[in-house]
PDB file of N, CA and C in Angstrom:
ATOM      1  N   GLY A   1      50.489 -15.211  20.050  1.00  0.00           N
ATOM      2  CA  GLY A   1      51.047 -13.965  20.493  1.00  0.00           C
ATOM      3  C   GLY A   1      50.245 -12.748  20.066  1.00  0.00           C
ATOM      4  N   ASN A   2      49.119 -12.955  19.334  1.00  0.00           N
ATOM      5  CA  ASN A   2      48.361 -11.798  18.869  1.00  0.00           C
ATOM      6  C   ASN A   2      46.959 -11.723  19.477  1.00  0.00           C
ATOM      7  N   SER A   3      46.716 -12.552  20.483  1.00  0.00           N
ATOM      8  CA  SER A   3      45.382 -12.568  21.073  1.00  0.00           C
ATOM      9  C   SER A   3      45.440 -13.201  22.457  1.00  0.00           C
ATOM     10  N   VAL A   4      44.324 -13.162  23.133  1.00  0.00           N
ATOM     11  CA  VAL A   4      44.203 -13.790  24.439  1.00  0.00           C
ATOM     12  C   VAL A   4      43.170 -14.903  24.300  1.00  0.00           C
ATOM     13  N   LEU A   5      43.560 -16.108  24.657  1.00  0.00           N
ATOM     14  CA  LEU A   5      42.648 -17.238  24.552  1.00  0.00           C
ATOM     15  C   LEU A   5      41.927 -17.448  25.878  1.00  0.00           C
ATOM     16  N   ILE A   6      40.660 -17.745  25.791  1.00  0.00           N
ATOM     17  CA  ILE A   6      39.813 -17.915  26.964  1.00  0.00           C
ATOM     18  C   ILE A   6      39.343 -19.373  27.005  1.00  0.00           C
ATOM     19  N   ASP A   7      39.345 -19.952  28.200  1.00  0.00           N
ATOM     20  CA  ASP A   7      38.824 -21.305  28.357  1.00  0.00           C
ATOM     21  C   ASP A   7      37.339 -21.335  27.992  1.00  0.00           C
ATOM     22  N   TYR A   8      36.860 -22.518  27.691  1.00  0.00           N
ATOM     23  CA  TYR A   8      35.455 -22.682  27.315  1.00  0.00           C
ATOM     24  C   TYR A   8      34.995 -24.094  27.649  1.00  0.00           C
ATOM     25  N   GLN A   9      33.687 -24.267  27.623  1.00  0.00           N
ATOM     26  CA  GLN A   9      33.089 -25.590  27.711  1.00  0.00           C
ATOM     27  C   GLN A   9      32.126 -25.725  26.553  1.00  0.00           C
ATOM     28  N   LEU A  10      32.138 -26.885  25.928  1.00  0.00           N
ATOM     29  CA  LEU A  10      31.198 -27.118  24.837  1.00  0.00           C
ATOM     30  C   LEU A  10      29.795 -27.282  25.404  1.00  0.00           C
ATOM     31  N   ALA A  11      28.846 -26.648  24.733  1.00  0.00           N
ATOM     32  CA  ALA A  11      27.445 -26.726  25.142  1.00  0.00           C
ATOM     33  C   ALA A  11      26.599 -27.005  23.907  1.00  0.00           C
ATOM     34  N   PRO A  12      25.539 -27.778  24.054  1.00  0.00           N
ATOM     35  CA  PRO A  12      24.673 -28.026  22.898  1.00  0.00           C
ATOM     36  C   PRO A  12      24.069 -26.725  22.384  1.00  0.00           C
ATOM     37  N   VAL A  13      23.950 -26.636  21.084  1.00  0.00           N
ATOM     38  CA  VAL A  13      23.332 -25.470  20.469  1.00  0.00           C
ATOM     39  C   VAL A  13      21.836 -25.492  20.778  1.00  0.00           C
ATOM     40  N   ARG A  14      21.345 -24.405  21.325  1.00  0.00           N
ATOM     41  CA  ARG A  14      19.904 -24.240  21.538  1.00  0.00           C
ATOM     42  C   ARG A  14      19.425 -23.291  20.450  1.00  0.00           C
ATOM     43  N   ASP A  15      18.768 -23.830  19.459  1.00  0.00           N
ATOM     44  CA  ASP A  15      18.482 -23.093  18.231  1.00  0.00           C
ATOM     45  C   ASP A  15      16.986 -22.871  18.055  1.00  0.00           C
ATOM     46  N   LYS A  16      16.467 -21.839  18.681  1.00  0.00           N
ATOM     47  CA  LYS A  16      15.026 -21.547  18.603  1.00  0.00           C
ATOM     48  C   LYS A  16      14.606 -21.073  17.209  1.00  0.00           C
ATOM     49  N   GLN A  17      15.545 -20.499  16.459  1.00  0.00           N
ATOM     50  CA  GLN A  17      15.225 -19.982  15.121  1.00  0.00           C
ATOM     51  C   GLN A  17      15.311 -21.051  14.034  1.00  0.00           C
ATOM     52  N   GLY A  18      15.884 -22.214  14.345  1.00  0.00           N
ATOM     53  CA  GLY A  18      15.994 -23.283  13.352  1.00  0.00           C
ATOM     54  C   GLY A  18      17.061 -23.034  12.300  1.00  0.00           C
ATOM     55  N   ILE A  19      18.096 -22.286  12.643  1.00  0.00           N
ATOM     56  CA  ILE A  19      19.164 -21.971  11.691  1.00  0.00           C
ATOM     57  C   ILE A  19      20.094 -23.162  11.511  1.00  0.00           C
ATOM     58  N   TYR A  20      20.407 -23.844  12.609  1.00  0.00           N
ATOM     59  CA  TYR A  20      21.316 -24.983  12.558  1.00  0.00           C
ATOM     60  C   TYR A  20      20.503 -26.236  12.254  1.00  0.00           C
ATOM     61  N   LEU A  21      20.840 -26.902  11.165  1.00  0.00           N
ATOM     62  CA  LEU A  21      20.045 -28.042  10.722  1.00  0.00           C
ATOM     63  C   LEU A  21      20.369 -29.311  11.487  1.00  0.00           C
ATOM     64  N   ASP A  22      21.599 -29.462  11.921  1.00  0.00           N
ATOM     65  CA  ASP A  22      22.023 -30.660  12.628  1.00  0.00           C
ATOM     66  C   ASP A  22      21.797 -30.457  14.125  1.00  0.00           C
ATOM     67  N   GLY A  23      21.009 -31.307  14.735  1.00  0.00           N
ATOM     68  CA  GLY A  23      20.699 -31.165  16.145  1.00  0.00           C
ATOM     69  C   GLY A  23      21.824 -31.544  17.080  1.00  0.00           C
ATOM     70  N   ASP A  24      22.915 -32.089  16.558  1.00  0.00           N
ATOM     71  CA  ASP A  24      24.033 -32.525  17.395  1.00  0.00           C
ATOM     72  C   ASP A  24      25.195 -31.539  17.374  1.00  0.00           C
ATOM     73  N   GLN A  25      24.916 -30.266  17.188  1.00  0.00           N
ATOM     74  CA  GLN A  25      25.979 -29.272  17.134  1.00  0.00           C
ATOM     75  C   GLN A  25      26.217 -28.654  18.506  1.00  0.00           C
ATOM     76  N   PHE A  26      27.453 -28.156  18.674  1.00  0.00           N
ATOM     77  CA  PHE A  26      27.860 -27.543  19.935  1.00  0.00           C
ATOM     78  C   PHE A  26      28.489 -26.187  19.658  1.00  0.00           C
ATOM     79  N   TRP A  27      28.474 -25.351  20.660  1.00  0.00           N
ATOM     80  CA  TRP A  27      29.242 -24.117  20.597  1.00  0.00           C
ATOM     81  C   TRP A  27      30.025 -23.968  21.879  1.00  0.00           C
ATOM     82  N   ALA A  28      30.925 -23.015  21.873  1.00  0.00           N
ATOM     83  CA  ALA A  28      31.809 -22.816  23.020  1.00  0.00           C
ATOM     84  C   ALA A  28      31.217 -21.755  23.939  1.00  0.00           C
ATOM     85  N   GLU A  29      30.939 -22.150  25.168  1.00  0.00           N
ATOM     86  CA  GLU A  29      30.513 -21.202  26.197  1.00  0.00           C
ATOM     87  C   GLU A  29      31.770 -20.714  26.910  1.00  0.00           C
ATOM     88  N   PRO A  30      32.100 -19.440  26.796  1.00  0.00           N
ATOM     89  CA  PRO A  30      33.353 -18.937  27.371  1.00  0.00           C
ATOM     90  C   PRO A  30      33.322 -18.904  28.890  1.00  0.00           C
ATOM     91  N   ALA A  31      34.498 -18.984  29.472  1.00  0.00           N
ATOM     92  CA  ALA A  31      34.659 -18.794  30.916  1.00  0.00           C
ATOM     93  C   ALA A  31      34.577 -17.287  31.163  1.00  0.00           C
ATOM     94  N   LEU A  32      33.406 -16.813  31.552  1.00  0.00           N
ATOM     95  CA  LEU A  32      33.155 -15.372  31.637  1.00  0.00           C
ATOM     96  C   LEU A  32      34.036 -14.677  32.665  1.00  0.00           C
ATOM     97  N   ASP A  33      34.305 -15.318  33.797  1.00  0.00           N
ATOM     98  CA  ASP A  33      35.180 -14.696  34.793  1.00  0.00           C
ATOM     99  C   ASP A  33      36.579 -14.488  34.230  1.00  0.00           C
ATOM    100  N   GLN A  34      37.071 -15.477  33.506  1.00  0.00           N
ATOM    101  CA  GLN A  34      38.403 -15.376  32.902  1.00  0.00           C
ATOM    102  C   GLN A  34      38.417 -14.282  31.828  1.00  0.00           C
ATOM    103  N   ALA A  35      37.384 -14.228  31.014  1.00  0.00           N
ATOM    104  CA  ALA A  35      37.293 -13.191  29.977  1.00  0.00           C
ATOM    105  C   ALA A  35      37.258 -11.802  30.615  1.00  0.00           C
ATOM    106  N   ALA A  36      36.487 -11.662  31.681  1.00  0.00           N
ATOM    107  CA  ALA A  36      36.410 -10.368  32.369  1.00  0.00           C
ATOM    108  C   ALA A  36      37.757  -9.984  32.965  1.00  0.00           C
ATOM    109  N   ASP A  37      38.471 -10.962  33.529  1.00  0.00           N
ATOM    110  CA  ASP A  37      39.806 -10.680  34.075  1.00  0.00           C
ATOM    111  C   ASP A  37      40.744 -10.171  32.987  1.00  0.00           C
ATOM    112  N   TRP A  38      40.710 -10.821  31.827  1.00  0.00           N
ATOM    113  CA  TRP A  38      41.576 -10.383  30.735  1.00  0.00           C
ATOM    114  C   TRP A  38      41.187  -9.000  30.226  1.00  0.00           C
ATOM    115  N   LEU A  39      39.903  -8.736  30.126  1.00  0.00           N
ATOM    116  CA  LEU A  39      39.475  -7.404  29.700  1.00  0.00           C
ATOM    117  C   LEU A  39      39.968  -6.339  30.672  1.00  0.00           C
ATOM    118  N   HIS A  40      39.912  -6.647  31.952  1.00  0.00           N
ATOM    119  CA  HIS A  40      40.410  -5.707  32.953  1.00  0.00           C
ATOM    120  C   HIS A  40      41.923  -5.497  32.797  1.00  0.00           C
ATOM    121  N   LYS A  41      42.672  -6.604  32.638  1.00  0.00           N
ATOM    122  CA  LYS A  41      44.127  -6.490  32.455  1.00  0.00           C
ATOM    123  C   LYS A  41      44.458  -5.644  31.233  1.00  0.00           C
ATOM    124  N   LEU A  42      43.743  -5.885  30.139  1.00  0.00           N
ATOM    125  CA  LEU A  42      43.996  -5.124  28.916  1.00  0.00           C
ATOM    126  C   LEU A  42      43.612  -3.662  29.077  1.00  0.00           C
ATOM    127  N   ALA A  43      42.544  -3.403  29.798  1.00  0.00           N
ATOM    128  CA  ALA A  43      42.142  -2.019  30.034  1.00  0.00           C
ATOM    129  C   ALA A  43      43.182  -1.276  30.867  1.00  0.00           C
ATOM    130  N   MET A  44      43.847  -1.985  31.748  1.00  0.00           N
ATOM    131  CA  MET A  44      44.822  -1.372  32.649  1.00  0.00           C
ATOM    132  C   MET A  44      46.218  -1.259  32.038  1.00  0.00           C
ATOM    133  N   SER A  45      46.495  -1.992  30.954  1.00  0.00           N
ATOM    134  CA  SER A  45      47.852  -2.015  30.407  1.00  0.00           C
ATOM    135  C   SER A  45      47.879  -1.596  28.938  1.00  0.00           C
ATOM    136  N   LYS A  46      48.228  -0.347  28.722  1.00  0.00           N
ATOM    137  CA  LYS A  46      48.362   0.142  27.344  1.00  0.00           C
ATOM    138  C   LYS A  46      49.451  -0.633  26.605  1.00  0.00           C
ATOM    139  N   GLU A  47      50.529  -0.975  27.306  1.00  0.00           N
ATOM    140  CA  GLU A  47      51.623  -1.727  26.683  1.00  0.00           C
ATOM    141  C   GLU A  47      51.142  -3.094  26.190  1.00  0.00           C
ATOM    142  N   MET A  48      50.377  -3.797  27.015  1.00  0.00           N
ATOM    143  CA  MET A  48      49.875  -5.113  26.615  1.00  0.00           C
ATOM    144  C   MET A  48      48.932  -4.985  25.416  1.00  0.00           C
ATOM    145  N   ARG A  49      48.051  -3.988  25.444  1.00  0.00           N
ATOM    146  CA  ARG A  49      47.139  -3.767  24.307  1.00  0.00           C
ATOM    147  C   ARG A  49      47.920  -3.492  23.039  1.00  0.00           C
ATOM    148  N   ASN A  50      48.939  -2.634  23.147  1.00  0.00           N
ATOM    149  CA  ASN A  50      49.733  -2.298  21.965  1.00  0.00           C
ATOM    150  C   ASN A  50      50.486  -3.503  21.429  1.00  0.00           C
ATOM    151  N   GLN A  51      51.067  -4.312  22.316  1.00  0.00           N
ATOM    152  CA  GLN A  51      51.804  -5.506  21.877  1.00  0.00           C
ATOM    153  C   GLN A  51      50.883  -6.471  21.133  1.00  0.00           C
ATOM    154  N   LEU A  52      49.716  -6.737  21.705  1.00  0.00           N
ATOM    155  CA  LEU A  52      48.775  -7.651  21.045  1.00  0.00           C
ATOM    156  C   LEU A  52      48.286  -7.072  19.723  1.00  0.00           C
ATOM    157  N   GLY A  53      47.982  -5.791  19.721  1.00  0.00           N
ATOM    158  CA  GLY A  53      47.499  -5.151  18.502  1.00  0.00           C
ATOM    159  C   GLY A  53      48.525  -5.157  17.387  1.00  0.00           C
ATOM    160  N   LEU A  54      49.769  -4.834  17.720  1.00  0.00           N
ATOM    161  CA  LEU A  54      50.826  -4.835  16.694  1.00  0.00           C
ATOM    162  C   LEU A  54      51.079  -6.244  16.168  1.00  0.00           C
ATOM    163  N   ALA A  55      51.045  -7.233  17.055  1.00  0.00           N
ATOM    164  CA  ALA A  55      51.224  -8.621  16.616  1.00  0.00           C
ATOM    165  C   ALA A  55      50.071  -9.040  15.703  1.00  0.00           C
ATOM    166  N   ALA A  56      48.862  -8.612  16.019  1.00  0.00           N
ATOM    167  CA  ALA A  56      47.705  -8.948  15.194  1.00  0.00           C
ATOM    168  C   ALA A  56      47.822  -8.319  13.805  1.00  0.00           C
ATOM    169  N   VAL A  57      48.265  -7.080  13.757  1.00  0.00           N
ATOM    170  CA  VAL A  57      48.445  -6.410  12.464  1.00  0.00           C
ATOM    171  C   VAL A  57      49.503  -7.132  11.644  1.00  0.00           C
ATOM    172  N   ARG A  58      50.635  -7.460  12.264  1.00  0.00           N
ATOM    173  CA  ARG A  58      51.703  -8.169  11.537  1.00  0.00           C
ATOM    174  C   ARG A  58      51.200  -9.499  10.994  1.00  0.00           C
ATOM    175  N   ASP A  59      50.492 -10.260  11.821  1.00  0.00           N
ATOM    176  CA  ASP A  59      49.994 -11.562  11.374  1.00  0.00           C
ATOM    177  C   ASP A  59      48.942 -11.413  10.276  1.00  0.00           C
ATOM    178  N   ALA A  60      48.059 -10.436  10.405  1.00  0.00           N
ATOM    179  CA  ALA A  60      47.049 -10.219   9.377  1.00  0.00           C
ATOM    180  C   ALA A  60      47.708  -9.856   8.049  1.00  0.00           C
ATOM    181  N   GLU A  61      48.692  -8.975   8.088  1.00  0.00           N
ATOM    182  CA  GLU A  61      49.391  -8.596   6.858  1.00  0.00           C
ATOM    183  C   GLU A  61      50.125  -9.784   6.261  1.00  0.00           C
ATOM    184  N   LYS A  62      50.665 -10.639   7.110  1.00  0.00           N
ATOM    185  CA  LYS A  62      51.421 -11.802   6.640  1.00  0.00           C
ATOM    186  C   LYS A  62      50.503 -12.894   6.086  1.00  0.00           C
ATOM    187  N   PHE A  63      49.473 -13.247   6.840  1.00  0.00           N
ATOM    188  CA  PHE A  63      48.668 -14.418   6.490  1.00  0.00           C
ATOM    189  C   PHE A  63      47.476 -14.113   5.594  1.00  0.00           C
ATOM    190  N   PHE A  64      47.040 -12.870   5.538  1.00  0.00           N
ATOM    191  CA  PHE A  64      45.856 -12.538   4.761  1.00  0.00           C
ATOM    192  C   PHE A  64      46.158 -11.624   3.578  1.00  0.00           C
ATOM    193  N   SER A  65      47.409 -11.560   3.183  1.00  0.00           N
ATOM    194  CA  SER A  65      47.777 -10.734   2.028  1.00  0.00           C
ATOM    195  C   SER A  65      47.415 -11.470   0.736  1.00  0.00           C
ATOM    196  N   LEU A  66      47.365 -10.734  -0.338  1.00  0.00           N
ATOM    197  CA  LEU A  66      47.106 -11.334  -1.651  1.00  0.00           C
ATOM    198  C   LEU A  66      48.198 -12.340  -1.997  1.00  0.00           C
ATOM    199  N   GLU A  67      49.444 -12.005  -1.672  1.00  0.00           N
ATOM    200  CA  GLU A  67      50.559 -12.905  -1.964  1.00  0.00           C
ATOM    201  C   GLU A  67      50.418 -14.212  -1.183  1.00  0.00           C
ATOM    202  N   SER A  68      50.015 -14.120   0.063  1.00  0.00           N
ATOM    203  CA  SER A  68      49.825 -15.310   0.882  1.00  0.00           C
ATOM    204  C   SER A  68      48.701 -16.175   0.321  1.00  0.00           C
ATOM    205  N   PHE A  69      47.627 -15.549  -0.124  1.00  0.00           N
ATOM    206  CA  PHE A  69      46.518 -16.276  -0.715  1.00  0.00           C
ATOM    207  C   PHE A  69      46.957 -16.987  -1.992  1.00  0.00           C
ATOM    208  N   LYS A  70      47.679 -16.264  -2.858  1.00  0.00           N
ATOM    209  CA  LYS A  70      48.157 -16.872  -4.093  1.00  0.00           C
ATOM    210  C   LYS A  70      49.042 -18.074  -3.818  1.00  0.00           C
ATOM    211  N   GLU A  71      49.910 -17.951  -2.825  1.00  0.00           N
ATOM    212  CA  GLU A  71      50.798 -19.064  -2.469  1.00  0.00           C
ATOM    213  C   GLU A  71      49.988 -20.265  -1.967  1.00  0.00           C
ATOM    214  N   ALA A  72      48.972 -19.985  -1.185  1.00  0.00           N
ATOM    215  CA  ALA A  72      48.148 -21.065  -0.613  1.00  0.00           C
ATOM    216  C   ALA A  72      47.381 -21.830  -1.690  1.00  0.00           C
ATOM    217  N   VAL A  73      46.936 -21.129  -2.748  1.00  0.00           N
ATOM    218  CA  VAL A  73      46.191 -21.795  -3.802  1.00  0.00           C
ATOM    219  C   VAL A  73      47.059 -22.206  -4.979  1.00  0.00           C
ATOM    220  N   GLY A  74      48.361 -21.947  -4.869  1.00  0.00           N
ATOM    221  CA  GLY A  74      49.284 -22.385  -5.910  1.00  0.00           C
ATOM    222  C   GLY A  74      49.283 -21.526  -7.152  1.00  0.00           C
ATOM    223  N   ASN A  75      48.986 -20.255  -7.007  1.00  0.00           N
ATOM    224  CA  ASN A  75      48.962 -19.340  -8.140  1.00  0.00           C
ATOM    225  C   ASN A  75      50.110 -18.346  -7.968  1.00  0.00           C
ATOM    226  N   SER A  76      51.070 -18.407  -8.856  1.00  0.00           N
ATOM    227  CA  SER A  76      52.220 -17.522  -8.755  1.00  0.00           C
ATOM    228  C   SER A  76      52.114 -16.291  -9.642  1.00  0.00           C
ATOM    229  N   ASN A  77      51.005 -16.098 -10.333  1.00  0.00           N
ATOM    230  CA  ASN A  77      50.843 -14.933 -11.214  1.00  0.00           C
ATOM    231  C   ASN A  77      50.573 -13.683 -10.434  1.00  0.00           C
TER     232      ASN A  77
END
Protein backbone atom coordinates (compact mmCIF):
# COMPACT_ATOMS: atom_id res chain seq x y z
CA GLY A 1 0.00 0.00 0.00
CA ASN A 2 3.00 2.36 0.05
CA SER A 3 4.36 1.87 -3.45
CA VAL A 4 3.60 0.81 -6.99
CA LEU A 5 5.06 -2.50 -8.12
CA ILE A 6 6.17 -2.89 -11.71
CA ASP A 7 6.46 -6.17 -13.62
CA TYR A 8 9.93 -7.28 -14.63
CA GLN A 9 11.88 -9.97 -16.41
CA LEU A 10 15.12 -11.38 -15.09
CA ALA A 11 18.08 -10.67 -17.34
CA PRO A 12 21.69 -11.77 -17.02
CA VAL A 13 23.98 -9.16 -15.55
CA ARG A 14 26.20 -7.63 -18.22
CA ASP A 15 29.11 -6.42 -16.13
CA LYS A 16 31.71 -4.59 -18.21
CA GLN A 17 33.33 -3.10 -15.09
CA GLY A 18 33.85 -6.48 -13.38
CA ILE A 19 32.00 -5.47 -10.20
CA TYR A 20 29.91 -8.63 -9.95
CA LEU A 21 32.16 -11.60 -9.27
CA ASP A 22 29.63 -14.35 -9.96
CA GLY A 23 28.87 -14.68 -13.66
CA ASP A 24 25.48 -16.29 -13.00
CA GLN A 25 23.79 -13.22 -11.55
CA PHE A 26 20.59 -11.61 -12.79
CA TRP A 27 18.86 -8.30 -12.40
CA ALA A 28 15.32 -7.18 -12.98
CA GLU A 29 14.59 -5.41 -16.26
CA PRO A 30 11.44 -3.37 -15.59
CA ALA A 31 8.42 -3.28 -17.86
CA LEU A 32 9.08 0.27 -19.07
CA ASP A 33 5.63 0.83 -20.60
CA GLN A 34 3.99 -0.15 -17.32
CA ALA A 35 6.37 2.07 -15.33
CA ALA A 36 5.64 5.00 -17.65
CA ASP A 37 1.89 4.43 -17.27
CA TRP A 38 2.19 4.53 -13.50
CA LEU A 39 4.33 7.65 -13.58
CA HIS A 40 1.69 9.32 -15.71
CA LYS A 41 -1.12 8.22 -13.34
CA LEU A 42 0.82 9.53 -10.36
CA ALA A 43 1.59 12.80 -12.11
CA MET A 44 -2.12 13.26 -12.83
CA SER A 45 -3.41 12.33 -9.36
CA LYS A 46 -2.31 14.39 -6.38
CA GLU A 47 -4.58 12.25 -4.18
CA MET A 48 -2.87 9.02 -5.26
CA ARG A 49 0.59 10.55 -4.71
CA ASN A 50 -0.41 11.76 -1.26
CA GLN A 51 -1.90 8.39 -0.26
CA LEU A 52 1.22 6.49 -1.31
CA GLY A 53 3.51 9.04 0.29
CA LEU A 54 1.68 9.05 3.61
CA ALA A 55 1.62 5.25 3.67
CA ALA A 56 5.36 5.19 2.96
CA VAL A 57 6.06 7.61 5.80
CA ARG A 58 3.93 5.57 8.23
CA ASP A 59 5.66 2.33 7.25
CA ALA A 60 9.13 3.88 7.42
CA GLU A 61 8.43 5.26 10.90
CA LYS A 62 7.04 1.90 11.98
CA PHE A 63 9.59 -0.48 10.48
CA PHE A 64 12.77 1.60 10.53
CA SER A 65 12.53 3.19 13.97
CA LEU A 66 15.11 2.59 16.67
CA GLU A 67 12.48 0.73 18.69
CA SER A 68 11.71 -1.56 15.76
CA PHE A 69 15.40 -2.27 15.27
CA LYS A 70 15.89 -3.06 18.96
CA GLU A 71 12.93 -5.43 18.88
CA ALA A 72 14.27 -7.18 15.78
CA VAL A 73 17.68 -7.79 17.37
CA GLY A 74 16.26 -8.67 20.77
CA ASN A 75 17.55 -5.65 22.65
CA SER A 76 15.04 -4.12 25.03
CA ASN A 77 17.37 -1.47 26.51
